[in-house]
C-alpha atoms as a PDB file:
ATOM      1  CA  MET A   1      71.271  29.708  64.862  1.00  0.00           C
ATOM      2  CA  GLN A   2      70.430  28.381  68.126  1.00  0.00           C
ATOM      3  CA  ARG A   3      72.960  27.958  70.938  1.00  0.00           C
ATOM      4  CA  ARG A   4      72.173  25.748  73.822  1.00  0.00           C
ATOM      5  CA  ARG A   5      73.832  26.615  77.215  1.00  0.00           C
ATOM      6  CA  PRO A   6      75.128  23.586  79.348  1.00  0.00           C
ATOM      7  CA  VAL A   7      73.362  23.370  82.781  1.00  0.00           C
ATOM      8  CA  GLY A   8      75.723  23.843  85.759  1.00  0.00           C
ATOM      9  CA  SER A   9      75.961  27.285  87.014  1.00  0.00           C
ATOM     10  CA  ARG A  10      77.839  26.942  90.490  1.00  0.00           C
ATOM     11  CA  PRO A  11      76.127  28.965  93.082  1.00  0.00           C
ATOM     12  CA  GLY A  12      77.787  30.777  95.898  1.00  0.00           C
ATOM     13  CA  ARG A  13      78.018  33.701  97.962  1.00  0.00           C
ATOM     14  CA  VAL A  14      80.612  36.415  96.681  1.00  0.00           C
ATOM     15  CA  VAL A  15      82.544  36.262 100.085  1.00  0.00           C
ATOM     16  CA  ASP A  16      82.942  32.455  99.602  1.00  0.00           C
ATOM     17  CA  MET A  17      83.454  31.898  95.734  1.00  0.00           C
ATOM     18  CA  ASP A  18      86.768  30.936  94.836  1.00  0.00           C
ATOM     19  CA  LEU A  19      87.900  32.221  91.367  1.00  0.00           C
ATOM     20  CA  ALA A  20      87.538  28.991  89.795  1.00  0.00           C
ATOM     21  CA  THR A  21      84.109  29.044  90.290  1.00  0.00           C
ATOM     22  CA  ARG A  22      83.639  32.829  89.409  1.00  0.00           C
ATOM     23  CA  ASP A  23      85.961  31.899  86.335  1.00  0.00           C
ATOM     24  CA  PHE A  24      83.394  28.764  85.414  1.00  0.00           C
ATOM     25  CA  ASN A  25      79.943  31.129  85.785  1.00  0.00           C
ATOM     26  CA  ILE A  26      81.823  33.807  83.544  1.00  0.00           C
ATOM     27  CA  ARG A  27      83.013  31.468  80.763  1.00  0.00           C
ATOM     28  CA  LEU A  28      79.458  29.709  80.830  1.00  0.00           C
ATOM     29  CA  ASN A  29      77.006  32.543  80.847  1.00  0.00           C
ATOM     30  CA  LEU A  30      78.988  35.829  79.486  1.00  0.00           C
ATOM     31  CA  TYR A  31      81.782  34.276  76.980  1.00  0.00           C
ATOM     32  CA  GLY A  32      78.944  31.802  75.501  1.00  0.00           C
ATOM     33  CA  ALA A  33      76.557  34.569  74.703  1.00  0.00           C
ATOM     34  CA  PHE A  34      79.279  36.665  73.403  1.00  0.00           C
ATOM     35  CA  LEU A  35      81.224  34.150  71.210  1.00  0.00           C
ATOM     36  CA  GLY A  36      77.767  32.684  70.340  1.00  0.00           C
ATOM     37  CA  THR A  37      76.747  36.217  68.811  1.00  0.00           C
ATOM     38  CA  LYS A  38      80.128  36.464  67.013  1.00  0.00           C
ATOM     39  CA  LEU A  39      80.103  33.557  65.319  1.00  0.00           C
ATOM     40  CA  GLY A  40      76.466  33.629  64.506  1.00  0.00           C
ATOM     41  CA  ALA A  41      77.209  37.250  62.763  1.00  0.00           C
ATOM     42  CA  GLU A  42      80.308  35.773  60.776  1.00  0.00           C
ATOM     43  CA  HIS A  43      78.046  33.045  59.554  1.00  0.00           C
ATOM     44  CA  PHE A  44      75.677  35.186  58.130  1.00  0.00           C
ATOM     45  CA  LEU A  45      78.263  37.749  56.816  1.00  0.00           C
ATOM     46  CA  ALA A  46      79.977  34.843  54.763  1.00  0.00           C
ATOM     47  CA  GLU A  47      76.606  33.854  53.659  1.00  0.00           C
ATOM     48  CA  GLY A  48      75.928  37.426  52.579  1.00  0.00           C
ATOM     49  CA  GLN A  49      72.712  37.094  54.318  1.00  0.00           C
ATOM     50  CA  ALA A  50      70.788  39.019  56.899  1.00  0.00           C
ATOM     51  CA  GLY A  51      70.052  37.754  60.177  1.00  0.00           C
ATOM     52  CA  ALA A  52      68.845  38.081  63.566  1.00  0.00           C
ATOM     53  CA  ILE A  53      70.471  36.794  66.939  1.00  0.00           C
ATOM     54  CA  VAL A  54      68.252  35.963  69.710  1.00  0.00           C
ATOM     55  CA  ASN A  55      70.016  36.018  73.574  1.00  0.00           C
ATOM     56  CA  ILE A  56      68.042  35.373  76.210  1.00  0.00           C
ATOM     57  CA  ALA A  57      69.398  37.424  79.280  1.00  0.00           C
ATOM     58  CA  SER A  58      67.788  36.067  82.745  1.00  0.00           C
ATOM     59  CA  LEU A  59      65.871  38.249  85.373  1.00  0.00           C
ATOM     60  CA  ASN A  60      68.150  37.324  87.701  1.00  0.00           C
ATOM     61  CA  SER A  61      70.785  39.641  86.110  1.00  0.00           C
ATOM     62  CA  LEU A  62      68.876  42.144  88.051  1.00  0.00           C
ATOM     63  CA  VAL A  63      67.089  40.032  90.928  1.00  0.00           C
ATOM     64  CA  PRO A  64      69.821  37.512  91.878  1.00  0.00           C
ATOM     65  CA  THR A  65      68.505  34.466  93.873  1.00  0.00           C
ATOM     66  CA  ARG A  66      69.924  33.526  96.900  1.00  0.00           C
ATOM     67  CA  PHE A  67      73.848  32.217  96.446  1.00  0.00           C
ATOM     68  CA  GLY A  68      73.367  33.328  92.764  1.00  0.00           C
ATOM     69  CA  ALA A  69      76.075  35.901  92.893  1.00  0.00           C
ATOM     70  CA  GLY A  70      78.221  34.552  90.300  1.00  0.00           C
ATOM     71  CA  TYR A  71      75.177  33.730  87.915  1.00  0.00           C
ATOM     72  CA  ALA A  72      73.684  36.965  88.255  1.00  0.00           C
ATOM     73  CA  ALA A  73      76.991  38.909  87.457  1.00  0.00           C
ATOM     74  CA  ALA A  74      77.554  36.900  84.382  1.00  0.00           C
ATOM     75  CA  LYS A  75      73.970  37.034  82.922  1.00  0.00           C
ATOM     76  CA  ALA A  76      74.151  40.774  83.532  1.00  0.00           C
ATOM     77  CA  GLY A  77      76.808  40.749  80.776  1.00  0.00           C
ATOM     78  CA  PRO A  78      74.924  39.624  77.866  1.00  0.00           C
ATOM     79  CA  ALA A  79      71.802  41.840  78.573  1.00  0.00           C
ATOM     80  CA  PRO A  80      73.139  44.527  76.110  1.00  0.00           C
ATOM     81  CA  LEU A  81      73.686  42.562  73.108  1.00  0.00           C
ATOM     82  CA  PRO A  82      70.394  42.705  71.898  1.00  0.00           C
ATOM     83  CA  ARG A  83      70.832  46.413  71.527  1.00  0.00           C
ATOM     84  CA  LEU A  84      73.843  46.002  69.641  1.00  0.00           C
ATOM     85  CA  ARG A  85      74.354  45.720  65.968  1.00  0.00           C
ATOM     86  CA  PRO A  86      77.319  43.399  65.366  1.00  0.00           C
ATOM     87  CA  CYS A  87      78.072  44.993  61.719  1.00  0.00           C
ATOM     88  CA  ALA A  88      76.833  48.644  62.491  1.00  0.00           C
ATOM     89  CA  GLY A  89      78.557  51.081  59.979  1.00  0.00           C
ATOM     90  CA  ASP A  90      79.405  48.665  57.042  1.00  0.00           C
ATOM     91  CA  SER A  91      76.459  49.422  54.703  1.00  0.00           C
ATOM     92  CA  SER A  92      77.842  47.135  51.921  1.00  0.00           C
ATOM     93  CA  ARG A  93      76.867  44.161  53.993  1.00  0.00           C
ATOM     94  CA  PRO A  94      73.580  42.415  54.760  1.00  0.00           C
ATOM     95  CA  PRO A  95      72.246  43.866  58.346  1.00  0.00           C
ATOM     96  CA  VAL A  96      72.716  41.456  61.185  1.00  0.00           C
ATOM     97  CA  HIS A  97      70.771  42.172  64.569  1.00  0.00           C
ATOM     98  CA  ALA A  98      71.625  40.652  67.726  1.00  0.00           C
END
């Protein structure tokens, strides 16, 4: 499964960023990775196949760029997803690793 995000994070300083801009960045970068992982895991499980889901976090989650507060905060959220197993604890199902 490959998910390509649309380009268009909206830059800005934390003190200047309105809620709509912050919400846009969160929806694009955090929700996209989470929902992509969820839907990918559901697909693998429905097919009865093992699988791997790869999310690429940005270095900006650790080292934000100028005016990149919203993007950096949103990208920090998906960073732990590769360490999680969406279906951990259910040995009757094929392994799906995120």
